[in-house]
């Protein structure tokens, strides 16, 4: 992600190795594994791996 977009995210915490960031405008989360760099979506009580494009589309509310 380009560094100019990073300032739009707030650190919200960690769940195991997954770091949770919330977008300041859309209020949607970007969940990234700190060790592997993989992206996750929280669904039905668990974190499910998704593709990076899906993660960013979800944060910016782009229909998938």
PDB file of N, CA and C in Angstrom:
ATOM      1  N   UNK A   1       0.850  -1.166   0.000  1.00  0.00           N
ATOM      2  CA  UNK A   1       0.000   0.000   0.000  1.00  0.00           C
ATOM      3  C   UNK A   1       0.897   1.231   0.000  1.00  0.00           C
ATOM      4  N   UNK A   2       0.586   2.223  -0.849  1.00  0.00           N
ATOM      5  CA  UNK A   2       1.374   3.453  -0.847  1.00  0.00           C
ATOM      6  C   UNK A   2       1.311   4.141   0.516  1.00  0.00           C
ATOM      7  N   UNK A   3       2.425   4.697   0.944  1.00  0.00           N
ATOM      8  CA  UNK A   3       2.513   5.279   2.279  1.00  0.00           C
ATOM      9  C   UNK A   3       1.509   6.402   2.518  1.00  0.00           C
ATOM     10  N   UNK A   4       1.109   7.125   1.491  1.00  0.00           N
ATOM     11  CA  UNK A   4       0.151   8.219   1.691  1.00  0.00           C
ATOM     12  C   UNK A   4      -1.222   7.717   2.140  1.00  0.00           C
ATOM     13  N   UNK A   5      -1.524   6.447   1.895  1.00  0.00           N
ATOM     14  CA  UNK A   5      -2.789   5.880   2.344  1.00  0.00           C
ATOM     15  C   UNK A   5      -2.727   5.397   3.794  1.00  0.00           C
ATOM     16  N   UNK A   6      -1.542   5.148   4.292  1.00  0.00           N
ATOM     17  CA  UNK A   6      -1.381   4.619   5.654  1.00  0.00           C
ATOM     18  C   UNK A   6      -1.941   5.562   6.710  1.00  0.00           C
ATOM     19  N   UNK A   7      -1.833   6.853   6.480  1.00  0.00           N
ATOM     20  CA  UNK A   7      -2.312   7.809   7.476  1.00  0.00           C
ATOM     21  C   UNK A   7      -3.825   7.772   7.660  1.00  0.00           C
ATOM     22  N   UNK A   8      -4.536   7.122   6.741  1.00  0.00           N
ATOM     23  CA  UNK A   8      -5.991   6.997   6.846  1.00  0.00           C
ATOM     24  C   UNK A   8      -6.422   5.850   7.756  1.00  0.00           C
ATOM     25  N   UNK A   9      -5.460   5.084   8.267  1.00  0.00           N
ATOM     26  CA  UNK A   9      -5.771   3.927   9.100  1.00  0.00           C
ATOM     27  C   UNK A   9      -5.324   4.133  10.540  1.00  0.00           C
ATOM     28  N   UNK A  10      -6.147   3.617  11.459  1.00  0.00           N
ATOM     29  CA  UNK A  10      -5.836   3.666  12.885  1.00  0.00           C
ATOM     30  C   UNK A  10      -5.535   2.255  13.374  1.00  0.00           C
ATOM     31  N   UNK A  11      -4.511   2.108  14.186  1.00  0.00           N
ATOM     32  CA  UNK A  11      -4.217   0.827  14.814  1.00  0.00           C
ATOM     33  C   UNK A  11      -5.283   0.574  15.873  1.00  0.00           C
ATOM     34  N   UNK A  12      -5.910  -0.617  15.815  1.00  0.00           N
ATOM     35  CA  UNK A  12      -6.982  -0.935  16.753  1.00  0.00           C
ATOM     36  C   UNK A  12      -6.636  -2.075  17.707  1.00  0.00           C
ATOM     37  N   UNK A  13      -5.561  -2.804  17.423  1.00  0.00           N
ATOM     38  CA  UNK A  13      -5.174  -3.898  18.292  1.00  0.00           C
ATOM     39  C   UNK A  13      -4.666  -5.084  17.501  1.00  0.00           C
ATOM     40  N   UNK A  14      -4.500  -6.188  18.229  1.00  0.00           N
ATOM     41  CA  UNK A  14      -4.016  -7.426  17.613  1.00  0.00           C
ATOM     42  C   UNK A  14      -4.830  -8.605  18.112  1.00  0.00           C
ATOM     43  N   UNK A  15      -4.981  -9.585  17.264  1.00  0.00           N
ATOM     44  CA  UNK A  15      -5.548 -10.885  17.624  1.00  0.00           C
ATOM     45  C   UNK A  15      -4.526 -11.898  17.149  1.00  0.00           C
ATOM     46  N   UNK A  16      -3.799 -12.461  18.096  1.00  0.00           N
ATOM     47  CA  UNK A  16      -2.686 -13.343  17.770  1.00  0.00           C
ATOM     48  C   UNK A  16      -1.695 -12.541  16.926  1.00  0.00           C
ATOM     49  N   UNK A  17      -1.361 -13.003  15.721  1.00  0.00           N
ATOM     50  CA  UNK A  17      -0.434 -12.273  14.852  1.00  0.00           C
ATOM     51  C   UNK A  17      -1.143 -11.332  13.888  1.00  0.00           C
ATOM     52  N   UNK A  18      -2.468 -11.287  13.935  1.00  0.00           N
ATOM     53  CA  UNK A  18      -3.229 -10.445  13.020  1.00  0.00           C
ATOM     54  C   UNK A  18      -3.375  -9.049  13.624  1.00  0.00           C
ATOM     55  N   UNK A  19      -2.895  -8.059  12.874  1.00  0.00           N
ATOM     56  CA  UNK A  19      -2.968  -6.665  13.312  1.00  0.00           C
ATOM     57  C   UNK A  19      -4.210  -6.031  12.683  1.00  0.00           C
ATOM     58  N   UNK A  20      -4.983  -5.328  13.515  1.00  0.00           N
ATOM     59  CA  UNK A  20      -6.252  -4.750  13.084  1.00  0.00           C
ATOM     60  C   UNK A  20      -6.105  -3.246  12.884  1.00  0.00           C
ATOM     61  N   UNK A  21      -6.457  -2.788  11.691  1.00  0.00           N
ATOM     62  CA  UNK A  21      -6.431  -1.364  11.366  1.00  0.00           C
ATOM     63  C   UNK A  21      -7.822  -0.951  10.907  1.00  0.00           C
ATOM     64  N   UNK A  22      -8.275   0.217  11.367  1.00  0.00           N
ATOM     65  CA  UNK A  22      -9.582   0.724  10.943  1.00  0.00           C
ATOM     66  C   UNK A  22      -9.384   1.973  10.094  1.00  0.00           C
ATOM     67  N   UNK A  23     -10.085   2.031   8.974  1.00  0.00           N
ATOM     68  CA  UNK A  23     -10.018   3.201   8.101  1.00  0.00           C
ATOM     69  C   UNK A  23     -10.781   4.349   8.760  1.00  0.00           C
ATOM     70  N   UNK A  24     -10.188   5.526   8.779  1.00  0.00           N
ATOM     71  CA  UNK A  24     -10.768   6.661   9.506  1.00  0.00           C
ATOM     72  C   UNK A  24     -12.060   7.199   8.894  1.00  0.00           C
ATOM     73  N   UNK A  25     -12.292   6.963   7.615  1.00  0.00           N
ATOM     74  CA  UNK A  25     -13.515   7.463   6.987  1.00  0.00           C
ATOM     75  C   UNK A  25     -14.561   6.362   6.827  1.00  0.00           C
ATOM     76  N   UNK A  26     -14.175   5.238   6.228  1.00  0.00           N
ATOM     77  CA  UNK A  26     -15.154   4.171   5.977  1.00  0.00           C
ATOM     78  C   UNK A  26     -15.459   3.364   7.229  1.00  0.00           C
ATOM     79  N   UNK A  27     -14.555   3.427   8.238  1.00  0.00           N
ATOM     80  CA  UNK A  27     -14.689   2.687   9.499  1.00  0.00           C
ATOM     81  C   UNK A  27     -14.622   1.175   9.296  1.00  0.00           C
ATOM     82  N   UNK A  28     -14.121   0.742   8.167  1.00  0.00           N
ATOM     83  CA  UNK A  28     -13.959  -0.685   7.886  1.00  0.00           C
ATOM     84  C   UNK A  28     -12.545  -1.117   8.221  1.00  0.00           C
ATOM     85  N   UNK A  29     -12.405  -2.393   8.534  1.00  0.00           N
ATOM     86  CA  UNK A  29     -11.126  -2.920   8.997  1.00  0.00           C
ATOM     87  C   UNK A  29     -10.272  -3.524   7.895  1.00  0.00           C
ATOM     88  N   UNK A  30      -8.966  -3.373   8.075  1.00  0.00           N
ATOM     89  CA  UNK A  30      -7.958  -4.036   7.270  1.00  0.00           C
ATOM     90  C   UNK A  30      -7.162  -4.886   8.251  1.00  0.00           C
ATOM     91  N   UNK A  31      -7.221  -6.194   8.104  1.00  0.00           N
ATOM     92  CA  UNK A  31      -6.605  -7.140   9.032  1.00  0.00           C
ATOM     93  C   UNK A  31      -5.435  -7.829   8.334  1.00  0.00           C
ATOM     94  N   UNK A  32      -4.230  -7.617   8.861  1.00  0.00           N
ATOM     95  CA  UNK A  32      -3.027  -8.112   8.199  1.00  0.00           C
ATOM     96  C   UNK A  32      -2.190  -8.914   9.180  1.00  0.00           C
ATOM     97  N   UNK A  33      -1.787 -10.107   8.767  1.00  0.00           N
ATOM     98  CA  UNK A  33      -0.910 -10.926   9.598  1.00  0.00           C
ATOM     99  C   UNK A  33       0.472 -10.293   9.629  1.00  0.00           C
ATOM    100  N   UNK A  34       0.956  -9.981  10.823  1.00  0.00           N
ATOM    101  CA  UNK A  34       2.244  -9.294  10.978  1.00  0.00           C
ATOM    102  C   UNK A  34       3.423 -10.158  10.557  1.00  0.00           C
ATOM    103  N   UNK A  35       3.267 -11.470  10.582  1.00  0.00           N
ATOM    104  CA  UNK A  35       4.365 -12.380  10.240  1.00  0.00           C
ATOM    105  C   UNK A  35       4.368 -12.706   8.749  1.00  0.00           C
ATOM    106  N   UNK A  36       3.210 -13.064   8.216  1.00  0.00           N
ATOM    107  CA  UNK A  36       3.134 -13.530   6.830  1.00  0.00           C
ATOM    108  C   UNK A  36       2.734 -12.455   5.831  1.00  0.00           C
ATOM    109  N   UNK A  37       2.089 -11.376   6.302  1.00  0.00           N
ATOM    110  CA  UNK A  37       1.595 -10.338   5.401  1.00  0.00           C
ATOM    111  C   UNK A  37       0.285 -10.703   4.732  1.00  0.00           C
ATOM    112  N   UNK A  38      -0.315 -11.821   5.121  1.00  0.00           N
ATOM    113  CA  UNK A  38      -1.593 -12.232   4.532  1.00  0.00           C
ATOM    114  C   UNK A  38      -2.725 -11.373   5.095  1.00  0.00           C
ATOM    115  N   UNK A  39      -3.801 -11.260   4.314  1.00  0.00           N
ATOM    116  CA  UNK A  39      -4.955 -10.452   4.684  1.00  0.00           C
ATOM    117  C   UNK A  39      -6.096 -11.347   5.153  1.00  0.00           C
ATOM    118  N   UNK A  40      -6.898 -10.813   6.088  1.00  0.00           N
ATOM    119  CA  UNK A  40      -7.993 -11.583   6.668  1.00  0.00           C
ATOM    120  C   UNK A  40      -9.243 -10.741   6.785  1.00  0.00           C
ATOM    121  N   UNK A  41     -10.374 -11.435   6.722  1.00  0.00           N
ATOM    122  CA  UNK A  41     -11.690 -10.843   6.980  1.00  0.00           C
ATOM    123  C   UNK A  41     -12.265 -11.565   8.189  1.00  0.00           C
ATOM    124  N   UNK A  42     -12.908 -10.803   9.061  1.00  0.00           N
ATOM    125  CA  UNK A  42     -13.568 -11.402  10.219  1.00  0.00           C
ATOM    126  C   UNK A  42     -14.987 -11.763   9.810  1.00  0.00           C
ATOM    127  N   UNK A  43     -15.316 -13.043   9.863  1.00  0.00           N
ATOM    128  CA  UNK A  43     -16.635 -13.501   9.443  1.00  0.00           C
ATOM    129  C   UNK A  43     -17.061 -14.685  10.297  1.00  0.00           C
ATOM    130  N   UNK A  44     -18.263 -14.613  10.798  1.00  0.00           N
ATOM    131  CA  UNK A  44     -18.844 -15.711  11.585  1.00  0.00           C
ATOM    132  C   UNK A  44     -17.952 -16.115  12.749  1.00  0.00           C
ATOM    133  N   UNK A  45     -17.374 -15.120  13.425  1.00  0.00           N
ATOM    134  CA  UNK A  45     -16.596 -15.386  14.619  1.00  0.00           C
ATOM    135  C   UNK A  45     -15.176 -15.855  14.415  1.00  0.00           C
ATOM    136  N   UNK A  46     -14.675 -15.775  13.173  1.00  0.00           N
ATOM    137  CA  UNK A  46     -13.297 -16.203  12.936  1.00  0.00           C
ATOM    138  C   UNK A  46     -12.665 -15.371  11.822  1.00  0.00           C
ATOM    139  N   UNK A  47     -11.348 -15.380  11.779  1.00  0.00           N
ATOM    140  CA  UNK A  47     -10.610 -14.673  10.734  1.00  0.00           C
ATOM    141  C   UNK A  47     -10.343 -15.635   9.586  1.00  0.00           C
ATOM    142  N   UNK A  48     -10.775 -15.229   8.398  1.00  0.00           N
ATOM    143  CA  UNK A  48     -10.672 -16.047   7.201  1.00  0.00           C
ATOM    144  C   UNK A  48      -9.738 -15.344   6.219  1.00  0.00           C
ATOM    145  N   UNK A  49      -8.766 -16.071   5.690  1.00  0.00           N
ATOM    146  CA  UNK A  49      -7.824 -15.478   4.754  1.00  0.00           C
ATOM    147  C   UNK A  49      -8.528 -15.071   3.457  1.00  0.00           C
ATOM    148  N   UNK A  50      -8.181 -13.878   2.970  1.00  0.00           N
ATOM    149  CA  UNK A  50      -8.721 -13.373   1.705  1.00  0.00           C
ATOM    150  C   UNK A  50      -7.569 -12.799   0.879  1.00  0.00           C
ATOM    151  N   UNK A  51      -7.834 -12.548  -0.374  1.00  0.00           N
ATOM    152  CA  UNK A  51      -6.830 -11.958  -1.262  1.00  0.00           C
ATOM    153  C   UNK A  51      -6.684 -10.468  -0.936  1.00  0.00           C
ATOM    154  N   UNK A  52      -5.497  -9.915  -1.161  1.00  0.00           N
ATOM    155  CA  UNK A  52      -5.302  -8.489  -0.884  1.00  0.00           C
ATOM    156  C   UNK A  52      -6.334  -7.590  -1.567  1.00  0.00           C
ATOM    157  N   UNK A  53      -6.651  -7.881  -2.807  1.00  0.00           N
ATOM    158  CA  UNK A  53      -7.625  -7.063  -3.534  1.00  0.00           C
ATOM    159  C   UNK A  53      -8.981  -7.067  -2.831  1.00  0.00           C
ATOM    160  N   UNK A  54      -9.407  -8.237  -2.325  1.00  0.00           N
ATOM    161  CA  UNK A  54     -10.665  -8.331  -1.591  1.00  0.00           C
ATOM    162  C   UNK A  54     -10.623  -7.476  -0.330  1.00  0.00           C
ATOM    163  N   UNK A  55      -9.485  -7.483   0.351  1.00  0.00           N
ATOM    164  CA  UNK A  55      -9.341  -6.717   1.586  1.00  0.00           C
ATOM    165  C   UNK A  55      -9.504  -5.222   1.313  1.00  0.00           C
ATOM    166  N   UNK A  56      -8.823  -4.721   0.289  1.00  0.00           N
ATOM    167  CA  UNK A  56      -8.906  -3.295  -0.015  1.00  0.00           C
ATOM    168  C   UNK A  56     -10.266  -2.913  -0.577  1.00  0.00           C
ATOM    169  N   UNK A  57     -10.860  -3.780  -1.390  1.00  0.00           N
ATOM    170  CA  UNK A  57     -12.208  -3.516  -1.890  1.00  0.00           C
ATOM    171  C   UNK A  57     -13.193  -3.416  -0.735  1.00  0.00           C
ATOM    172  N   UNK A  58     -13.035  -4.265   0.252  1.00  0.00           N
ATOM    173  CA  UNK A  58     -13.919  -4.247   1.418  1.00  0.00           C
ATOM    174  C   UNK A  58     -13.740  -2.963   2.227  1.00  0.00           C
ATOM    175  N   UNK A  59     -12.508  -2.551   2.437  1.00  0.00           N
ATOM    176  CA  UNK A  59     -12.237  -1.327   3.203  1.00  0.00           C
ATOM    177  C   UNK A  59     -12.826  -0.109   2.509  1.00  0.00           C
ATOM    178  N   UNK A  60     -12.682  -0.047   1.200  1.00  0.00           N
ATOM    179  CA  UNK A  60     -13.152   1.112   0.455  1.00  0.00           C
ATOM    180  C   UNK A  60     -14.583   0.928  -0.081  1.00  0.00           C
ATOM    181  N   UNK A  61     -15.262  -0.121   0.416  1.00  0.00           N
ATOM    182  CA  UNK A  61     -16.680  -0.372   0.104  1.00  0.00           C
ATOM    183  C   UNK A  61     -16.943  -0.518  -1.379  1.00  0.00           C
ATOM    184  N   UNK A  62     -16.026  -1.176  -2.088  1.00  0.00           N
ATOM    185  CA  UNK A  62     -16.220  -1.450  -3.503  1.00  0.00           C
ATOM    186  C   UNK A  62     -16.888  -2.814  -3.607  1.00  0.00           C
ATOM    187  N   UNK A  63     -17.994  -2.893  -4.355  1.00  0.00           N
ATOM    188  CA  UNK A  63     -18.683  -4.165  -4.511  1.00  0.00           C
ATOM    189  C   UNK A  63     -17.750  -5.193  -5.107  1.00  0.00           C
ATOM    190  N   UNK A  64     -17.853  -6.393  -4.568  1.00  0.00           N
ATOM    191  CA  UNK A  64     -16.961  -7.469  -5.000  1.00  0.00           C
ATOM    192  C   UNK A  64     -17.662  -8.386  -5.973  1.00  0.00           C
TER     193      UNK A  64
END
